[in-house]
PDB file of all heavy atoms in Angstrom:
ATOM      1  N   SER A   1      23.799 -64.595  79.572  1.00  0.00           N
ATOM      2  CA  SER A   1      24.078 -63.213  79.212  1.00  0.00           C
ATOM      3  C   SER A   1      24.948 -62.477  80.301  1.00  0.00           C
ATOM      4  O   SER A   1      25.613 -61.518  79.952  1.00  0.00           O
ATOM      5  CB  SER A   1      22.779 -62.445  79.015  1.00  0.00           C
ATOM      6  OG  SER A   1      22.015 -62.478  80.188  1.00  0.00           O
ATOM      7  N   ALA A   2      24.941 -62.954  81.499  1.00  0.00           N
ATOM      8  CA  ALA A   2      25.751 -62.311  82.560  1.00  0.00           C
ATOM      9  C   ALA A   2      27.239 -62.611  82.393  1.00  0.00           C
ATOM     10  O   ALA A   2      28.065 -61.935  82.963  1.00  0.00           O
ATOM     11  CB  ALA A   2      25.271 -62.738  83.915  1.00  0.00           C
ATOM     12  N   VAL A   3      27.585 -63.662  81.632  1.00  0.00           N
ATOM     13  CA  VAL A   3      28.972 -63.961  81.438  1.00  0.00           C
ATOM     14  C   VAL A   3      29.556 -63.057  80.372  1.00  0.00           C
ATOM     15  O   VAL A   3      29.127 -63.060  79.211  1.00  0.00           O
ATOM     16  CB  VAL A   3      29.187 -65.457  81.003  1.00  0.00           C
ATOM     17  CG1 VAL A   3      30.624 -65.764  80.677  1.00  0.00           C
ATOM     18  CG2 VAL A   3      28.652 -66.386  82.090  1.00  0.00           C
ATOM     19  N   GLU A   4      30.495 -62.212  80.754  1.00  0.00           N
ATOM     20  CA  GLU A   4      31.083 -61.229  79.851  1.00  0.00           C
ATOM     21  C   GLU A   4      32.203 -61.836  79.031  1.00  0.00           C
ATOM     22  O   GLU A   4      32.464 -61.443  77.916  1.00  0.00           O
ATOM     23  CB  GLU A   4      31.580 -60.027  80.599  1.00  0.00           C
ATOM     24  CG  GLU A   4      30.478 -59.194  81.239  1.00  0.00           C
ATOM     25  CD  GLU A   4      29.585 -58.579  80.135  1.00  0.00           C
ATOM     26  OE1 GLU A   4      30.098 -58.164  79.097  1.00  0.00           O
ATOM     27  OE2 GLU A   4      28.357 -58.526  80.406  1.00  0.00           O
ATOM     28  N   ALA A   5      32.936 -62.818  79.618  1.00  0.00           N
ATOM     29  CA  ALA A   5      34.064 -63.454  78.949  1.00  0.00           C
ATOM     30  C   ALA A   5      34.285 -64.812  79.618  1.00  0.00           C
ATOM     31  O   ALA A   5      33.840 -65.044  80.760  1.00  0.00           O
ATOM     32  CB  ALA A   5      35.288 -62.593  79.068  1.00  0.00           C
ATOM     33  N   LEU A   6      34.994 -65.661  78.898  1.00  0.00           N
ATOM     34  CA  LEU A   6      35.371 -66.943  79.507  1.00  0.00           C
ATOM     35  C   LEU A   6      36.690 -67.423  78.932  1.00  0.00           C
ATOM     36  O   LEU A   6      37.048 -67.140  77.810  1.00  0.00           O
ATOM     37  CB  LEU A   6      34.291 -67.972  79.346  1.00  0.00           C
ATOM     38  CG  LEU A   6      33.924 -68.552  78.014  1.00  0.00           C
ATOM     39  CD1 LEU A   6      34.819 -69.693  77.623  1.00  0.00           C
ATOM     40  CD2 LEU A   6      32.494 -69.027  78.022  1.00  0.00           C
ATOM     41  N   THR A   7      37.375 -68.143  79.769  1.00  0.00           N
ATOM     42  CA  THR A   7      38.558 -68.905  79.388  1.00  0.00           C
ATOM     43  C   THR A   7      38.183 -70.368  79.484  1.00  0.00           C
ATOM     44  O   THR A   7      37.626 -70.769  80.498  1.00  0.00           O
ATOM     45  CB  THR A   7      39.747 -68.616  80.300  1.00  0.00           C
ATOM     46  OG1 THR A   7      40.023 -67.187  80.208  1.00  0.00           O
ATOM     47  CG2 THR A   7      41.000 -69.377  79.861  1.00  0.00           C
ATOM     48  N   LEU A   8      38.435 -71.094  78.442  1.00  0.00           N
ATOM     49  CA  LEU A   8      38.176 -72.539  78.425  1.00  0.00           C
ATOM     50  C   LEU A   8      39.404 -73.308  78.098  1.00  0.00           C
ATOM     51  O   LEU A   8      40.022 -73.060  77.066  1.00  0.00           O
ATOM     52  CB  LEU A   8      37.045 -72.824  77.392  1.00  0.00           C
ATOM     53  CG  LEU A   8      36.663 -74.297  77.132  1.00  0.00           C
ATOM     54  CD1 LEU A   8      36.184 -74.930  78.380  1.00  0.00           C
ATOM     55  CD2 LEU A   8      35.657 -74.412  76.044  1.00  0.00           C
ATOM     56  N   ARG A   9      39.731 -74.229  78.959  1.00  0.00           N
ATOM     57  CA  ARG A   9      40.902 -75.126  78.748  1.00  0.00           C
ATOM     58  C   ARG A   9      40.324 -76.548  78.518  1.00  0.00           C
ATOM     59  O   ARG A   9      39.521 -76.978  79.346  1.00  0.00           O
ATOM     60  CB  ARG A   9      41.820 -75.137  79.932  1.00  0.00           C
ATOM     61  CG  ARG A   9      42.445 -73.802  80.245  1.00  0.00           C
ATOM     62  CD  ARG A   9      43.352 -73.859  81.477  1.00  0.00           C
ATOM     63  NE  ARG A   9      44.668 -74.359  81.024  1.00  0.00           N
ATOM     64  CZ  ARG A   9      45.565 -74.835  81.820  1.00  0.00           C
ATOM     65  NH1 ARG A   9      45.345 -74.990  83.099  1.00  0.00           N
ATOM     66  NH2 ARG A   9      46.760 -75.232  81.354  1.00  0.00           N
ATOM     67  N   VAL A  10      40.793 -77.175  77.464  1.00  0.00           N
ATOM     68  CA  VAL A  10      40.421 -78.531  77.167  1.00  0.00           C
ATOM     69  C   VAL A  10      41.672 -79.385  77.338  1.00  0.00           C
ATOM     70  O   VAL A  10      42.697 -79.158  76.641  1.00  0.00           O
ATOM     71  CB  VAL A  10      39.814 -78.696  75.729  1.00  0.00           C
ATOM     72  CG1 VAL A  10      39.532 -80.175  75.473  1.00  0.00           C
ATOM     73  CG2 VAL A  10      38.551 -77.831  75.567  1.00  0.00           C
ATOM     74  N   HIS A  11      41.588 -80.329  78.245  1.00  0.00           N
ATOM     75  CA  HIS A  11      42.710 -81.274  78.475  1.00  0.00           C
ATOM     76  C   HIS A  11      42.380 -82.564  77.722  1.00  0.00           C
ATOM     77  O   HIS A  11      41.294 -83.091  77.824  1.00  0.00           O
ATOM     78  CB  HIS A  11      42.801 -81.625  79.971  1.00  0.00           C
ATOM     79  CG  HIS A  11      42.976 -80.485  80.906  1.00  0.00           C
ATOM     80  ND1 HIS A  11      44.174 -80.268  81.486  1.00  0.00           N
ATOM     81  CD2 HIS A  11      42.120 -79.540  81.327  1.00  0.00           C
ATOM     82  CE1 HIS A  11      44.060 -79.198  82.291  1.00  0.00           C
ATOM     83  NE2 HIS A  11      42.840 -78.730  82.202  1.00  0.00           N
ATOM     84  N   LYS A  12      43.405 -83.027  77.044  1.00  0.00           N
ATOM     85  CA  LYS A  12      43.296 -84.299  76.310  1.00  0.00           C
ATOM     86  C   LYS A  12      44.459 -85.209  76.821  1.00  0.00           C
ATOM     87  O   LYS A  12      45.439 -85.386  76.102  1.00  0.00           O
ATOM     88  CB  LYS A  12      43.392 -84.059  74.815  1.00  0.00           C
ATOM     89  CG  LYS A  12      43.073 -85.295  73.982  1.00  0.00           C
ATOM     90  CD  LYS A  12      43.037 -84.906  72.506  1.00  0.00           C
ATOM     91  CE  LYS A  12      42.734 -86.107  71.619  1.00  0.00           C
ATOM     92  NZ  LYS A  12      42.670 -85.780  70.202  1.00  0.00           N
ATOM     93  N   PRO A  13      44.314 -85.760  77.999  1.00  0.00           N
ATOM     94  CA  PRO A  13      45.468 -86.476  78.622  1.00  0.00           C
ATOM     95  C   PRO A  13      45.844 -87.764  77.903  1.00  0.00           C
ATOM     96  O   PRO A  13      46.963 -88.193  78.025  1.00  0.00           O
ATOM     97  CB  PRO A  13      44.945 -86.764  80.024  1.00  0.00           C
ATOM     98  CG  PRO A  13      43.449 -86.697  79.928  1.00  0.00           C
ATOM     99  CD  PRO A  13      43.125 -85.721  78.881  1.00  0.00           C
ATOM    100  N   ASP A  14      44.930 -88.329  77.144  1.00  0.00           N
ATOM    101  CA  ASP A  14      45.223 -89.568  76.430  1.00  0.00           C
ATOM    102  C   ASP A  14      45.436 -89.376  74.951  1.00  0.00           C
ATOM    103  O   ASP A  14      45.143 -90.283  74.139  1.00  0.00           O
ATOM    104  CB  ASP A  14      44.139 -90.638  76.677  1.00  0.00           C
ATOM    105  CG  ASP A  14      44.024 -90.965  78.159  1.00  0.00           C
ATOM    106  OD1 ASP A  14      45.046 -91.089  78.844  1.00  0.00           O
ATOM    107  OD2 ASP A  14      42.844 -91.110  78.626  1.00  0.00           O
ATOM    108  N   ALA A  15      45.913 -88.207  74.595  1.00  0.00           N
ATOM    109  CA  ALA A  15      46.163 -87.895  73.162  1.00  0.00           C
ATOM    110  C   ALA A  15      47.121 -88.925  72.567  1.00  0.00           C
ATOM    111  O   ALA A  15      48.125 -89.307  73.190  1.00  0.00           O
ATOM    112  CB  ALA A  15      46.735 -86.506  73.012  1.00  0.00           C
ATOM    113  N   PRO A  16      46.800 -89.403  71.354  1.00  0.00           N
ATOM    114  CA  PRO A  16      47.663 -90.424  70.728  1.00  0.00           C
ATOM    115  C   PRO A  16      48.942 -89.836  70.117  1.00  0.00           C
ATOM    116  O   PRO A  16      48.989 -89.537  68.916  1.00  0.00           O
ATOM    117  CB  PRO A  16      46.758 -91.008  69.659  1.00  0.00           C
ATOM    118  CG  PRO A  16      45.853 -89.859  69.269  1.00  0.00           C
ATOM    119  CD  PRO A  16      45.656 -89.069  70.520  1.00  0.00           C
ATOM    120  N   VAL A  17      49.913 -89.571  70.990  1.00  0.00           N
ATOM    121  CA  VAL A  17      51.184 -89.083  70.514  1.00  0.00           C
ATOM    122  C   VAL A  17      52.249 -90.122  70.806  1.00  0.00           C
ATOM    123  O   VAL A  17      52.071 -90.945  71.727  1.00  0.00           O
ATOM    124  CB  VAL A  17      51.562 -87.721  71.175  1.00  0.00           C
ATOM    125  CG1 VAL A  17      50.575 -86.643  70.737  1.00  0.00           C
ATOM    126  CG2 VAL A  17      51.561 -87.796  72.692  1.00  0.00           C
ATOM    127  N   LYS A  18      53.358 -90.101  70.115  1.00  0.00           N
ATOM    128  CA  LYS A  18      54.372 -91.146  70.241  1.00  0.00           C
ATOM    129  C   LYS A  18      55.377 -90.862  71.347  1.00  0.00           C
ATOM    130  O   LYS A  18      56.292 -91.638  71.547  1.00  0.00           O
ATOM    131  CB  LYS A  18      55.075 -91.312  68.923  1.00  0.00           C
ATOM    132  CG  LYS A  18      54.174 -91.812  67.850  1.00  0.00           C
ATOM    133  CD  LYS A  18      54.870 -92.089  66.534  1.00  0.00           C
ATOM    134  CE  LYS A  18      53.901 -92.359  65.469  1.00  0.00           C
ATOM    135  NZ  LYS A  18      53.788 -93.705  65.045  1.00  0.00           N
ATOM    136  N   MET A  19      55.180 -89.814  72.100  1.00  0.00           N
ATOM    137  CA  MET A  19      56.073 -89.506  73.204  1.00  0.00           C
ATOM    138  C   MET A  19      55.227 -89.503  74.486  1.00  0.00           C
ATOM    139  O   MET A  19      54.004 -89.404  74.466  1.00  0.00           O
ATOM    140  CB  MET A  19      56.703 -88.109  73.042  1.00  0.00           C
ATOM    141  CG  MET A  19      57.566 -87.985  71.756  1.00  0.00           C
ATOM    142  SD  MET A  19      59.012 -89.027  71.741  1.00  0.00           S
ATOM    143  CE  MET A  19      60.032 -88.155  72.891  1.00  0.00           C
ATOM    144  N   THR A  20      55.906 -89.622  75.628  1.00  0.00           N
ATOM    145  CA  THR A  20      55.210 -89.587  76.896  1.00  0.00           C
ATOM    146  C   THR A  20      55.007 -88.146  77.308  1.00  0.00           C
ATOM    147  O   THR A  20      55.962 -87.382  77.387  1.00  0.00           O
ATOM    148  CB  THR A  20      56.022 -90.325  77.996  1.00  0.00           C
ATOM    149  OG1 THR A  20      56.210 -91.679  77.556  1.00  0.00           O
ATOM    150  CG2 THR A  20      55.297 -90.310  79.304  1.00  0.00           C
ATOM    151  N   VAL A  21      53.765 -87.794  77.510  1.00  0.00           N
ATOM    152  CA  VAL A  21      53.395 -86.447  78.023  1.00  0.00           C
ATOM    153  C   VAL A  21      52.297 -86.607  79.086  1.00  0.00           C
ATOM    154  O   VAL A  21      51.550 -87.567  79.062  1.00  0.00           O
ATOM    155  CB  VAL A  21      52.858 -85.547  76.877  1.00  0.00           C
ATOM    156  CG1 VAL A  21      53.924 -85.265  75.835  1.00  0.00           C
ATOM    157  CG2 VAL A  21      51.609 -86.100  76.260  1.00  0.00           C
ATOM    158  N   ASP A  22      52.274 -85.717  80.017  1.00  0.00           N
ATOM    159  CA  ASP A  22      51.267 -85.743  81.071  1.00  0.00           C
ATOM    160  C   ASP A  22      49.887 -85.345  80.512  1.00  0.00           C
ATOM    161  O   ASP A  22      48.846 -85.880  80.901  1.00  0.00           O
ATOM    162  CB  ASP A  22      51.604 -84.800  82.198  1.00  0.00           C
ATOM    163  CG  ASP A  22      52.762 -85.333  83.043  1.00  0.00           C
ATOM    164  OD1 ASP A  22      52.996 -86.578  83.089  1.00  0.00           O
ATOM    165  OD2 ASP A  22      53.423 -84.487  83.702  1.00  0.00           O
ATOM    166  N   ASP A  23      49.881 -84.380  79.575  1.00  0.00           N
ATOM    167  CA  ASP A  23      48.601 -83.830  79.149  1.00  0.00           C
ATOM    168  C   ASP A  23      48.868 -82.985  77.928  1.00  0.00           C
ATOM    169  O   ASP A  23      49.942 -82.463  77.678  1.00  0.00           O
ATOM    170  CB  ASP A  23      48.049 -82.918  80.268  1.00  0.00           C
ATOM    171  CG  ASP A  23      46.552 -82.700  80.162  1.00  0.00           C
ATOM    172  OD1 ASP A  23      45.929 -83.160  79.206  1.00  0.00           O
ATOM    173  OD2 ASP A  23      45.995 -82.067  81.100  1.00  0.00           O
ATOM    174  N   ILE A  24      47.844 -82.859  77.069  1.00  0.00           N
ATOM    175  CA  ILE A  24      47.787 -81.904  75.974  1.00  0.00           C
ATOM    176  C   ILE A  24      46.621 -80.963  76.310  1.00  0.00           C
ATOM    177  O   ILE A  24      45.513 -81.451  76.587  1.00  0.00           O
ATOM    178  CB  ILE A  24      47.533 -82.616  74.663  1.00  0.00           C
ATOM    179  CG1 ILE A  24      48.586 -83.637  74.330  1.00  0.00           C
ATOM    180  CG2 ILE A  24      47.402 -81.576  73.528  1.00  0.00           C
ATOM    181  CD1 ILE A  24      49.981 -83.132  74.085  1.00  0.00           C
ATOM    182  N   ILE A  25      46.882 -79.695  76.283  1.00  0.00           N
ATOM    183  CA  ILE A  25      45.855 -78.731  76.657  1.00  0.00           C
ATOM    184  C   ILE A  25      45.785 -77.631  75.610  1.00  0.00           C
ATOM    185  O   ILE A  25      46.803 -77.124  75.144  1.00  0.00           O
ATOM    186  CB  ILE A  25      46.187 -78.046  78.020  1.00  0.00           C
ATOM    187  CG1 ILE A  25      46.317 -79.114  79.101  1.00  0.00           C
ATOM    188  CG2 ILE A  25      45.091 -77.061  78.379  1.00  0.00           C
ATOM    189  CD1 ILE A  25      46.888 -78.529  80.399  1.00  0.00           C
ATOM    190  N   ILE A  26      44.560 -77.267  75.228  1.00  0.00           N
ATOM    191  CA  ILE A  26      44.390 -76.033  74.446  1.00  0.00           C
ATOM    192  C   ILE A  26      43.588 -75.123  75.315  1.00  0.00           C
ATOM    193  O   ILE A  26      42.733 -75.548  76.119  1.00  0.00           O
ATOM    194  CB  ILE A  26      43.743 -76.281  73.064  1.00  0.00           C
ATOM    195  CG1 ILE A  26      42.294 -76.776  73.166  1.00  0.00           C
ATOM    196  CG2 ILE A  26      44.556 -77.238  72.225  1.00  0.00           C
ATOM    197  CD1 ILE A  26      41.323 -75.697  72.963  1.00  0.00           C
ATOM    198  N   GLU A  27      43.820 -73.826  75.157  1.00  0.00           N
ATOM    199  CA  GLU A  27      43.138 -72.819  75.930  1.00  0.00           C
ATOM    200  C   GLU A  27      42.658 -71.714  74.977  1.00  0.00           C
ATOM    201  O   GLU A  27      43.420 -71.257  74.169  1.00  0.00           O
ATOM    202  CB  GLU A  27      44.032 -72.232  76.965  1.00  0.00           C
ATOM    203  CG  GLU A  27      43.398 -71.175  77.829  1.00  0.00           C
ATOM    204  CD  GLU A  27      44.314 -70.624  78.915  1.00  0.00           C
ATOM    205  OE1 GLU A  27      44.692 -71.424  79.807  1.00  0.00           O
ATOM    206  OE2 GLU A  27      44.687 -69.432  78.854  1.00  0.00           O
ATOM    207  N   ILE A  28      41.360 -71.365  75.121  1.00  0.00           N
ATOM    208  CA  ILE A  28      40.844 -70.216  74.307  1.00  0.00           C
ATOM    209  C   ILE A  28      40.225 -69.226  75.301  1.00  0.00           C
ATOM    210  O   ILE A  28      39.770 -69.573  76.382  1.00  0.00           O
ATOM    211  CB  ILE A  28      39.830 -70.682  73.235  1.00  0.00           C
ATOM    212  CG1 ILE A  28      38.569 -71.259  73.883  1.00  0.00           C
ATOM    213  CG2 ILE A  28      40.441 -71.653  72.272  1.00  0.00           C
ATOM    214  CD1 ILE A  28      37.453 -71.510  72.875  1.00  0.00           C
ATOM    215  N   TYR A  29      40.209 -67.996  74.847  1.00  0.00           N
ATOM    216  CA  TYR A  29      39.581 -66.924  75.611  1.00  0.00           C
ATOM    217  C   TYR A  29      38.585 -66.236  74.672  1.00  0.00           C
ATOM    218  O   TYR A  29      38.932 -65.874  73.537  1.00  0.00           O
ATOM    219  CB  TYR A  29      40.645 -65.909  76.074  1.00  0.00           C
ATOM    220  CG  TYR A  29      40.030 -64.699  76.773  1.00  0.00           C
ATOM    221  CD1 TYR A  29      39.709 -64.762  78.113  1.00  0.00           C
ATOM    222  CD2 TYR A  29      39.841 -63.520  76.108  1.00  0.00           C
ATOM    223  CE1 TYR A  29      39.132 -63.673  78.746  1.00  0.00           C
ATOM    224  CE2 TYR A  29      39.313 -62.410  76.736  1.00  0.00           C
ATOM    225  CZ  TYR A  29      38.967 -62.487  78.071  1.00  0.00           C
ATOM    226  OH  TYR A  29      38.442 -61.396  78.697  1.00  0.00           O
ATOM    227  N   ARG A  30      37.323 -66.097  75.106  1.00  0.00           N
ATOM    228  CA  ARG A  30      36.320 -65.425  74.294  1.00  0.00           C
ATOM    229  C   ARG A  30      35.592 -64.401  75.131  1.00  0.00           C
ATOM    230  O   ARG A  30      35.251 -64.649  76.288  1.00  0.00           O
ATOM    231  CB  ARG A  30      35.305 -66.449  73.736  1.00  0.00           C
ATOM    232  CG  ARG A  30      35.917 -67.501  72.812  1.00  0.00           C
ATOM    233  CD  ARG A  30      36.407 -66.832  71.523  1.00  0.00           C
ATOM    234  NE  ARG A  30      37.019 -67.770  70.605  1.00  0.00           N
ATOM    235  CZ  ARG A  30      38.304 -68.045  70.536  1.00  0.00           C
ATOM    236  NH1 ARG A  30      39.134 -67.442  71.335  1.00  0.00           N
ATOM    237  NH2 ARG A  30      38.781 -68.915  69.650  1.00  0.00           N
ATOM    238  N   ARG A  31      35.347 -63.254  74.493  1.00  0.00           N
ATOM    239  CA  ARG A  31      34.590 -62.214  75.148  1.00  0.00           C
ATOM    240  C   ARG A  31      33.252 -62.024  74.437  1.00  0.00           C
ATOM    241  O   ARG A  31      33.136 -62.339  73.276  1.00  0.00           O
ATOM    242  CB  ARG A  31      35.356 -60.854  75.061  1.00  0.00           C
ATOM    243  CG  ARG A  31      36.572 -60.830  75.883  1.00  0.00           C
ATOM    244  CD  ARG A  31      37.368 -59.581  75.819  1.00  0.00           C
ATOM    245  NE  ARG A  31      36.708 -58.400  75.177  1.00  0.00           N
ATOM    246  CZ  ARG A  31      37.260 -57.252  74.987  1.00  0.00           C
ATOM    247  NH1 ARG A  31      38.523 -57.091  75.327  1.00  0.00           N
ATOM    248  NH2 ARG A  31      36.614 -56.301  74.421  1.00  0.00           N
ATOM    249  N   ARG A  32      32.303 -61.582  75.203  1.00  0.00           N
ATOM    250  CA  ARG A  32      30.941 -61.399  74.642  1.00  0.00           C
ATOM    251  C   ARG A  32      30.961 -60.515  73.429  1.00  0.00           C
ATOM    252  O   ARG A  32      30.255 -60.769  72.466  1.00  0.00           O
ATOM    253  CB  ARG A  32      30.034 -60.783  75.692  1.00  0.00           C
ATOM    254  CG  ARG A  32      28.643 -60.533  75.161  1.00  0.00           C
ATOM    255  CD  ARG A  32      27.617 -60.451  76.241  1.00  0.00           C
ATOM    256  NE  ARG A  32      27.563 -61.634  77.046  1.00  0.00           N
ATOM    257  CZ  ARG A  32      27.042 -62.832  76.643  1.00  0.00           C
ATOM    258  NH1 ARG A  32      26.555 -62.939  75.450  1.00  0.00           N
ATOM    259  NH2 ARG A  32      27.054 -63.851  77.435  1.00  0.00           N
ATOM    260  N   ASP A  33      31.766 -59.476  73.387  1.00  0.00           N
ATOM    261  CA  ASP A  33      31.788 -58.566  72.213  1.00  0.00           C
ATOM    262  C   ASP A  33      32.520 -59.198  71.045  1.00  0.00           C
ATOM    263  O   ASP A  33      32.618 -58.534  70.001  1.00  0.00           O
ATOM    264  CB  ASP A  33      32.411 -57.224  72.633  1.00  0.00           C
ATOM    265  CG  ASP A  33      33.860 -57.341  73.095  1.00  0.00           C
ATOM    266  OD1 ASP A  33      34.503 -58.394  72.877  1.00  0.00           O
ATOM    267  OD2 ASP A  33      34.350 -56.381  73.685  1.00  0.00           O
ATOM    268  N   GLY A  34      32.995 -60.443  71.176  1.00  0.00           N
ATOM    269  CA  GLY A  34      33.622 -61.122  70.094  1.00  0.00           C
ATOM    270  C   GLY A  34      35.055 -60.734  69.797  1.00  0.00           C
ATOM    271  O   GLY A  34      35.674 -61.299  68.886  1.00  0.00           O
ATOM    272  N   MET A  35      35.611 -59.858  70.588  1.00  0.00           N
ATOM    273  CA  MET A  35      36.964 -59.407  70.351  1.00  0.00           C
ATOM    274  C   MET A  35      37.933 -60.252  71.180  1.00  0.00           C
ATOM    275  O   MET A  35      37.814 -60.345  72.388  1.00  0.00           O
ATOM    276  CB  MET A  35      37.103 -57.951  70.701  1.00  0.00           C
ATOM    277  CG  MET A  35      36.220 -56.996  69.937  1.00  0.00           C
ATOM    278  SD  MET A  35      36.552 -57.052  68.161  1.00  0.00           S
ATOM    279  CE  MET A  35      38.172 -56.371  68.072  1.00  0.00           C
ATOM    280  N   PRO A  36      38.946 -60.855  70.501  1.00  0.00           N
ATOM    281  CA  PRO A  36      39.964 -61.546  71.316  1.00  0.00           C
ATOM    282  C   PRO A  36      40.794 -60.572  72.106  1.00  0.00           C
ATOM    283  O   PRO A  36      40.868 -59.359  71.757  1.00  0.00           O
ATOM    284  CB  PRO A  36      40.811 -62.256  70.262  1.00  0.00           C
ATOM    285  CG  PRO A  36      40.557 -61.481  68.985  1.00  0.00           C
ATOM    286  CD  PRO A  36      39.201 -60.870  69.106  1.00  0.00           C
ATOM    287  N   GLN A  37      41.349 -61.077  73.226  1.00  0.00           N
ATOM    288  CA  GLN A  37      42.193 -60.167  74.035  1.00  0.00           C
ATOM    289  C   GLN A  37      43.545 -60.776  74.221  1.00  0.00           C
ATOM    290  O   GLN A  37      43.722 -61.934  74.214  1.00  0.00           O
ATOM    291  CB  GLN A  37      41.498 -59.959  75.370  1.00  0.00           C
ATOM    292  CG  GLN A  37      42.243 -58.894  76.190  1.00  0.00           C
ATOM    293  CD  GLN A  37      41.395 -58.491  77.359  1.00  0.00           C
ATOM    294  OE1 GLN A  37      40.247 -58.814  77.531  1.00  0.00           O
ATOM    295  NE2 GLN A  37      41.981 -57.670  78.203  1.00  0.00           N
TER     296      GLN A  37
END
């Protein structure tokens, strides 16, 4: 309950793509009040 908001990054470095990439990352931000910022 003390966490008011968080940013979460998920790295998928071994994503099955046909090109060479270092990493695939998605990032989400969530606030306790449910409102995106």
